[in-house]
Amino acid sequence: MSDENMISEYPSEQRAAICNTAYDEKLSSMKVSFDFDGVLTTSKGIRKAIDLVEKGVIVYIISARSEADGILKIAKRIGIPENRVHATGSNQKKIWLIQALNITTHYDNNIEVVRALPGVGAMI
């Protein structure tokens, strides 16, 4: 916040506090999801998920797997609650759930899933 009104009205500590509060509120309202296979089975994907969880972002795992058993161990390591882990059984159901949950960004390694989620899907 460096516009003239902010500089004249608020000391630098207050400007920083206002910016930090706005940033924290934006992060805590974000919902980010990760596919499991090929995404959270990589060190890059795990690091990204841990970073977002530590920043206060709401993080989900949404996979086309039919069983969540193998996913739960990684979810616990990252800090994702069990109720945010979903094994949908298909990519179509995964896409539907991502949309239904109003996910802000979904990381996937399947280009078809990413294309089906314009503005939301991202490769990792």
N, C-alpha and C. Protein backbone atom coordinates (compact mmCIF):
# COMPACT_ATOMS: atom_id res chain seq x y z
N MET A 1 0.85 -1.17 0.00
CA MET A 1 0.00 0.00 0.00
C MET A 1 0.89 1.23 0.00
N SER A 2 1.07 1.76 -1.16
CA SER A 2 1.97 2.90 -1.23
C SER A 2 1.31 4.12 -1.85
N ASP A 3 -0.02 4.13 -1.98
CA ASP A 3 -0.62 5.32 -2.54
C ASP A 3 -0.56 6.46 -1.52
N GLU A 4 -0.68 7.68 -2.00
CA GLU A 4 -0.47 8.86 -1.15
C GLU A 4 -1.42 8.91 0.05
N ASN A 5 -2.69 8.55 -0.14
CA ASN A 5 -3.65 8.58 0.98
C ASN A 5 -3.24 7.62 2.09
N MET A 6 -2.87 6.42 1.72
CA MET A 6 -2.47 5.44 2.73
C MET A 6 -1.22 5.91 3.48
N ILE A 7 -0.27 6.46 2.75
CA ILE A 7 0.97 6.92 3.37
C ILE A 7 0.70 8.06 4.34
N SER A 8 -0.18 8.97 3.96
CA SER A 8 -0.45 10.11 4.83
C SER A 8 -1.35 9.75 6.02
N GLU A 9 -2.22 8.76 5.86
CA GLU A 9 -3.18 8.43 6.92
C GLU A 9 -2.70 7.37 7.90
N TYR A 10 -1.81 6.47 7.47
CA TYR A 10 -1.42 5.35 8.32
C TYR A 10 0.10 5.26 8.41
N PRO A 11 0.61 5.08 9.64
CA PRO A 11 2.05 4.82 9.78
C PRO A 11 2.41 3.51 9.09
N SER A 12 3.67 3.32 8.78
CA SER A 12 4.09 2.14 8.02
C SER A 12 3.70 0.83 8.69
N GLU A 13 3.73 0.77 10.04
CA GLU A 13 3.36 -0.47 10.73
C GLU A 13 1.89 -0.82 10.49
N GLN A 14 1.03 0.22 10.48
CA GLN A 14 -0.38 -0.02 10.24
C GLN A 14 -0.63 -0.46 8.80
N ARG A 15 0.08 0.16 7.86
CA ARG A 15 -0.08 -0.24 6.46
C ARG A 15 0.31 -1.70 6.29
N ALA A 16 1.43 -2.08 6.93
CA ALA A 16 1.88 -3.48 6.84
C ALA A 16 0.85 -4.42 7.45
N ALA A 17 0.28 -4.04 8.59
CA ALA A 17 -0.72 -4.88 9.25
C ALA A 17 -1.96 -5.05 8.39
N ILE A 18 -2.39 -3.96 7.75
CA ILE A 18 -3.56 -4.01 6.88
C ILE A 18 -3.29 -4.95 5.70
N CYS A 19 -2.13 -4.81 5.09
CA CYS A 19 -1.76 -5.68 3.96
C CYS A 19 -1.70 -7.14 4.39
N ASN A 20 -1.05 -7.40 5.52
CA ASN A 20 -0.91 -8.77 6.01
C ASN A 20 -2.27 -9.39 6.32
N THR A 21 -3.17 -8.61 6.93
CA THR A 21 -4.50 -9.12 7.24
C THR A 21 -5.26 -9.45 5.96
N ALA A 22 -5.20 -8.57 4.98
CA ALA A 22 -5.89 -8.82 3.70
C ALA A 22 -5.33 -10.06 3.03
N TYR A 23 -4.01 -10.22 3.06
CA TYR A 23 -3.36 -11.38 2.46
C TYR A 23 -3.79 -12.66 3.16
N ASP A 24 -3.78 -12.66 4.50
CA ASP A 24 -4.19 -13.83 5.27
C ASP A 24 -5.64 -14.21 5.00
N GLU A 25 -6.51 -13.20 4.89
CA GLU A 25 -7.92 -13.47 4.61
C GLU A 25 -8.10 -14.08 3.23
N LYS A 26 -7.33 -13.59 2.26
CA LYS A 26 -7.41 -14.14 0.91
C LYS A 26 -6.95 -15.59 0.90
N LEU A 27 -5.83 -15.90 1.58
CA LEU A 27 -5.34 -17.27 1.62
C LEU A 27 -6.32 -18.20 2.31
N SER A 28 -6.89 -17.76 3.42
CA SER A 28 -7.78 -18.65 4.18
C SER A 28 -9.11 -18.89 3.46
N SER A 29 -9.42 -18.07 2.45
CA SER A 29 -10.66 -18.31 1.70
C SER A 29 -10.40 -19.13 0.43
N MET A 30 -9.13 -19.38 0.13
CA MET A 30 -8.79 -20.18 -1.05
C MET A 30 -9.03 -21.66 -0.76
N LYS A 31 -9.45 -22.37 -1.78
CA LYS A 31 -9.58 -23.81 -1.71
C LYS A 31 -8.76 -24.39 -2.85
N VAL A 32 -7.76 -25.17 -2.50
CA VAL A 32 -6.87 -25.75 -3.50
C VAL A 32 -6.94 -27.26 -3.36
N SER A 33 -7.00 -27.94 -4.50
CA SER A 33 -7.00 -29.40 -4.46
C SER A 33 -5.86 -29.95 -5.30
N PHE A 34 -5.47 -31.15 -4.94
CA PHE A 34 -4.39 -31.87 -5.62
C PHE A 34 -4.89 -33.24 -6.02
N ASP A 35 -4.54 -33.66 -7.23
CA ASP A 35 -4.70 -35.06 -7.61
C ASP A 35 -3.66 -35.83 -6.80
N PHE A 36 -3.81 -37.12 -6.70
CA PHE A 36 -2.85 -37.90 -5.93
C PHE A 36 -1.75 -38.49 -6.81
N ASP A 37 -2.09 -39.47 -7.64
CA ASP A 37 -1.09 -40.15 -8.46
C ASP A 37 -0.45 -39.18 -9.45
N GLY A 38 0.86 -39.11 -9.44
CA GLY A 38 1.58 -38.24 -10.35
C GLY A 38 1.68 -36.80 -9.88
N VAL A 39 1.01 -36.47 -8.78
CA VAL A 39 1.08 -35.11 -8.23
C VAL A 39 1.58 -35.17 -6.79
N LEU A 40 0.78 -35.75 -5.90
CA LEU A 40 1.22 -35.86 -4.50
C LEU A 40 2.09 -37.09 -4.27
N THR A 41 2.41 -37.78 -5.33
CA THR A 41 3.41 -38.86 -5.24
C THR A 41 4.77 -38.33 -5.67
N THR A 42 4.87 -37.00 -5.88
CA THR A 42 6.14 -36.37 -6.24
C THR A 42 6.56 -35.42 -5.13
N SER A 43 7.86 -35.22 -5.00
CA SER A 43 8.35 -34.30 -3.96
C SER A 43 7.89 -32.87 -4.25
N LYS A 44 7.82 -32.48 -5.52
CA LYS A 44 7.37 -31.14 -5.88
C LYS A 44 5.92 -30.92 -5.43
N GLY A 45 5.06 -31.89 -5.67
CA GLY A 45 3.67 -31.79 -5.28
C GLY A 45 3.50 -31.74 -3.77
N ILE A 46 4.24 -32.58 -3.07
CA ILE A 46 4.16 -32.60 -1.60
C ILE A 46 4.63 -31.27 -1.03
N ARG A 47 5.74 -30.75 -1.54
CA ARG A 47 6.25 -29.45 -1.04
C ARG A 47 5.23 -28.34 -1.25
N LYS A 48 4.60 -28.32 -2.42
CA LYS A 48 3.59 -27.30 -2.73
C LYS A 48 2.40 -27.41 -1.78
N ALA A 49 1.93 -28.62 -1.54
CA ALA A 49 0.79 -28.83 -0.65
C ALA A 49 1.12 -28.43 0.78
N ILE A 50 2.28 -28.83 1.26
CA ILE A 50 2.70 -28.46 2.63
C ILE A 50 2.79 -26.95 2.77
N ASP A 51 3.37 -26.28 1.78
CA ASP A 51 3.50 -24.83 1.80
C ASP A 51 2.13 -24.16 1.91
N LEU A 52 1.16 -24.63 1.12
CA LEU A 52 -0.17 -24.04 1.16
C LEU A 52 -0.88 -24.30 2.48
N VAL A 53 -0.75 -25.51 3.02
CA VAL A 53 -1.36 -25.82 4.31
C VAL A 53 -0.78 -24.91 5.39
N GLU A 54 0.55 -24.74 5.38
CA GLU A 54 1.21 -23.89 6.37
C GLU A 54 0.78 -22.43 6.27
N LYS A 55 0.38 -22.00 5.07
CA LYS A 55 -0.09 -20.63 4.86
C LYS A 55 -1.56 -20.45 5.22
N GLY A 56 -2.24 -21.53 5.57
CA GLY A 56 -3.63 -21.44 5.97
C GLY A 56 -4.64 -21.67 4.85
N VAL A 57 -4.17 -22.12 3.70
CA VAL A 57 -5.06 -22.41 2.59
C VAL A 57 -5.81 -23.72 2.88
N ILE A 58 -7.07 -23.78 2.49
CA ILE A 58 -7.85 -25.00 2.64
C ILE A 58 -7.44 -25.93 1.50
N VAL A 59 -6.87 -27.09 1.85
CA VAL A 59 -6.32 -28.00 0.85
C VAL A 59 -7.07 -29.33 0.87
N TYR A 60 -7.39 -29.81 -0.32
CA TYR A 60 -8.06 -31.09 -0.52
C TYR A 60 -7.18 -32.01 -1.37
N ILE A 61 -7.43 -33.29 -1.25
CA ILE A 61 -6.92 -34.26 -2.21
C ILE A 61 -8.14 -34.85 -2.89
N ILE A 62 -8.19 -34.70 -4.23
CA ILE A 62 -9.32 -35.23 -4.99
C ILE A 62 -8.73 -36.09 -6.11
N SER A 63 -8.94 -37.39 -5.97
CA SER A 63 -8.33 -38.36 -6.87
C SER A 63 -9.39 -39.18 -7.58
N ALA A 64 -9.04 -39.68 -8.76
CA ALA A 64 -9.93 -40.58 -9.49
C ALA A 64 -9.80 -42.02 -8.99
N ARG A 65 -8.93 -42.25 -8.02
CA ARG A 65 -8.84 -43.60 -7.43
C ARG A 65 -10.19 -43.98 -6.84
N SER A 66 -10.42 -45.27 -6.72
CA SER A 66 -11.68 -45.70 -6.12
C SER A 66 -11.57 -45.94 -4.62
N GLU A 67 -10.37 -45.99 -4.09
CA GLU A 67 -10.15 -46.19 -2.65
C GLU A 67 -9.18 -45.12 -2.14
N ALA A 68 -9.44 -44.59 -0.95
CA ALA A 68 -8.59 -43.54 -0.37
C ALA A 68 -7.52 -44.09 0.55
N ASP A 69 -7.51 -45.41 0.77
CA ASP A 69 -6.60 -45.99 1.77
C ASP A 69 -5.15 -45.55 1.59
N GLY A 70 -4.60 -45.67 0.41
CA GLY A 70 -3.20 -45.31 0.19
C GLY A 70 -2.95 -43.82 0.24
N ILE A 71 -3.98 -43.03 0.12
CA ILE A 71 -3.86 -41.58 0.09
C ILE A 71 -3.77 -41.00 1.50
N LEU A 72 -4.41 -41.65 2.45
CA LEU A 72 -4.54 -41.07 3.79
C LEU A 72 -3.21 -40.87 4.51
N LYS A 73 -2.25 -41.74 4.28
CA LYS A 73 -0.94 -41.60 4.92
C LYS A 73 -0.25 -40.31 4.47
N ILE A 74 -0.30 -40.03 3.18
CA ILE A 74 0.30 -38.80 2.64
C ILE A 74 -0.48 -37.59 3.13
N ALA A 75 -1.80 -37.69 3.15
CA ALA A 75 -2.63 -36.58 3.63
C ALA A 75 -2.24 -36.20 5.05
N LYS A 76 -2.07 -37.19 5.90
CA LYS A 76 -1.70 -36.93 7.29
C LYS A 76 -0.33 -36.26 7.35
N ARG A 77 0.62 -36.74 6.56
CA ARG A 77 1.97 -36.16 6.53
C ARG A 77 1.93 -34.68 6.11
N ILE A 78 1.06 -34.35 5.16
CA ILE A 78 0.95 -32.98 4.67
C ILE A 78 0.19 -32.10 5.64
N GLY A 79 -0.76 -32.68 6.37
CA GLY A 79 -1.60 -31.91 7.29
C GLY A 79 -3.00 -31.67 6.75
N ILE A 80 -3.43 -32.54 5.84
CA ILE A 80 -4.77 -32.44 5.26
C ILE A 80 -5.70 -33.36 6.04
N PRO A 81 -6.79 -32.82 6.61
CA PRO A 81 -7.72 -33.67 7.36
C PRO A 81 -8.36 -34.75 6.49
N GLU A 82 -8.68 -35.86 7.11
CA GLU A 82 -9.27 -37.00 6.39
C GLU A 82 -10.55 -36.64 5.65
N ASN A 83 -11.33 -35.70 6.20
CA ASN A 83 -12.60 -35.33 5.55
C ASN A 83 -12.39 -34.48 4.30
N ARG A 84 -11.14 -34.13 3.99
CA ARG A 84 -10.85 -33.41 2.75
C ARG A 84 -10.12 -34.31 1.75
N VAL A 85 -10.19 -35.60 1.95
CA VAL A 85 -9.59 -36.57 1.03
C VAL A 85 -10.73 -37.30 0.33
N HIS A 86 -10.74 -37.23 -1.01
CA HIS A 86 -11.83 -37.82 -1.78
C HIS A 86 -11.29 -38.72 -2.89
N ALA A 87 -11.73 -39.96 -2.89
CA ALA A 87 -11.45 -40.90 -3.97
C ALA A 87 -12.75 -41.05 -4.74
N THR A 88 -12.81 -40.46 -5.92
CA THR A 88 -14.08 -40.36 -6.64
C THR A 88 -14.39 -41.55 -7.54
N GLY A 89 -13.36 -42.28 -7.97
CA GLY A 89 -13.59 -43.43 -8.83
C GLY A 89 -13.50 -43.14 -10.31
N SER A 90 -13.52 -41.86 -10.70
CA SER A 90 -13.38 -41.52 -12.13
C SER A 90 -12.98 -40.05 -12.27
N ASN A 91 -12.43 -39.72 -13.42
CA ASN A 91 -12.06 -38.32 -13.68
C ASN A 91 -13.31 -37.45 -13.81
N GLN A 92 -14.38 -37.98 -14.38
CA GLN A 92 -15.62 -37.20 -14.50
C GLN A 92 -16.15 -36.80 -13.13
N LYS A 93 -16.16 -37.75 -12.20
CA LYS A 93 -16.64 -37.45 -10.85
C LYS A 93 -15.67 -36.52 -10.14
N LYS A 94 -14.39 -36.67 -10.40
CA LYS A 94 -13.38 -35.77 -9.81
C LYS A 94 -13.63 -34.33 -10.28
N ILE A 95 -13.85 -34.14 -11.57
CA ILE A 95 -14.12 -32.82 -12.12
C ILE A 95 -15.39 -32.24 -11.51
N TRP A 96 -16.43 -33.05 -11.42
CA TRP A 96 -17.69 -32.59 -10.83
C TRP A 96 -17.48 -32.13 -9.39
N LEU A 97 -16.73 -32.91 -8.59
CA LEU A 97 -16.52 -32.56 -7.19
C LEU A 97 -15.70 -31.28 -7.05
N ILE A 98 -14.69 -31.12 -7.88
CA ILE A 98 -13.88 -29.90 -7.86
C ILE A 98 -14.77 -28.68 -8.10
N GLN A 99 -15.66 -28.79 -9.05
CA GLN A 99 -16.59 -27.70 -9.34
C GLN A 99 -17.59 -27.50 -8.20
N ALA A 100 -18.11 -28.59 -7.66
CA ALA A 100 -19.11 -28.50 -6.58
C ALA A 100 -18.53 -27.87 -5.31
N LEU A 101 -17.25 -28.12 -5.06
CA LEU A 101 -16.60 -27.56 -3.87
C LEU A 101 -16.07 -26.14 -4.09
N ASN A 102 -16.26 -25.62 -5.28
CA ASN A 102 -15.75 -24.28 -5.63
C ASN A 102 -14.25 -24.16 -5.37
N ILE A 103 -13.52 -25.15 -5.85
CA ILE A 103 -12.07 -25.15 -5.72
C ILE A 103 -11.50 -24.00 -6.55
N THR A 104 -10.55 -23.27 -5.96
CA THR A 104 -9.92 -22.13 -6.63
C THR A 104 -8.89 -22.60 -7.65
N THR A 105 -8.05 -23.58 -7.25
CA THR A 105 -7.03 -24.15 -8.12
C THR A 105 -6.95 -25.64 -7.87
N HIS A 106 -6.89 -26.41 -8.95
CA HIS A 106 -6.71 -27.85 -8.83
C HIS A 106 -5.46 -28.24 -9.60
N TYR A 107 -4.51 -28.89 -8.91
CA TYR A 107 -3.27 -29.35 -9.53
C TYR A 107 -3.42 -30.80 -9.95
N ASP A 108 -3.11 -31.08 -11.20
CA ASP A 108 -3.28 -32.42 -11.75
C ASP A 108 -2.17 -32.67 -12.77
N ASN A 109 -1.90 -33.92 -13.06
CA ASN A 109 -0.93 -34.26 -14.10
C ASN A 109 -1.63 -34.74 -15.38
N ASN A 110 -2.94 -34.77 -15.37
CA ASN A 110 -3.73 -35.21 -16.52
C ASN A 110 -4.21 -33.97 -17.28
N ILE A 111 -3.68 -33.76 -18.47
CA ILE A 111 -4.02 -32.58 -19.26
C ILE A 111 -5.51 -32.51 -19.57
N GLU A 112 -6.17 -33.64 -19.72
CA GLU A 112 -7.62 -33.63 -20.01
C GLU A 112 -8.41 -33.09 -18.81
N VAL A 113 -8.00 -33.44 -17.61
CA VAL A 113 -8.66 -32.91 -16.41
C VAL A 113 -8.42 -31.40 -16.32
N VAL A 114 -7.19 -30.98 -16.55
CA VAL A 114 -6.85 -29.55 -16.50
C VAL A 114 -7.68 -28.78 -17.52
N ARG A 115 -7.78 -29.30 -18.74
CA ARG A 115 -8.57 -28.63 -19.79
C ARG A 115 -10.06 -28.57 -19.45
N ALA A 116 -10.55 -29.55 -18.72
CA ALA A 116 -11.96 -29.58 -18.34
C ALA A 116 -12.28 -28.59 -17.21
N LEU A 117 -11.23 -28.00 -16.64
CA LEU A 117 -11.40 -27.05 -15.53
C LEU A 117 -10.75 -25.70 -15.89
N PRO A 118 -11.28 -25.01 -16.92
CA PRO A 118 -10.66 -23.76 -17.33
C PRO A 118 -10.64 -22.73 -16.19
N GLY A 119 -9.48 -22.12 -16.02
CA GLY A 119 -9.32 -21.12 -14.97
C GLY A 119 -9.08 -21.71 -13.60
N VAL A 120 -9.20 -23.01 -13.47
CA VAL A 120 -9.03 -23.70 -12.18
C VAL A 120 -7.92 -24.74 -12.28
N GLY A 121 -7.93 -25.53 -13.33
CA GLY A 121 -6.96 -26.61 -13.49
C GLY A 121 -5.57 -26.10 -13.80
N ALA A 122 -4.57 -26.76 -13.22
CA ALA A 122 -3.18 -26.39 -13.44
C ALA A 122 -2.32 -27.64 -13.43
N MET A 123 -1.34 -27.66 -14.29
CA MET A 123 -0.38 -28.76 -14.30
C MET A 123 0.65 -28.54 -13.20
N ILE A 124 1.16 -29.64 -12.70
CA ILE A 124 2.25 -29.54 -11.72
C ILE A 124 3.37 -30.47 -12.12
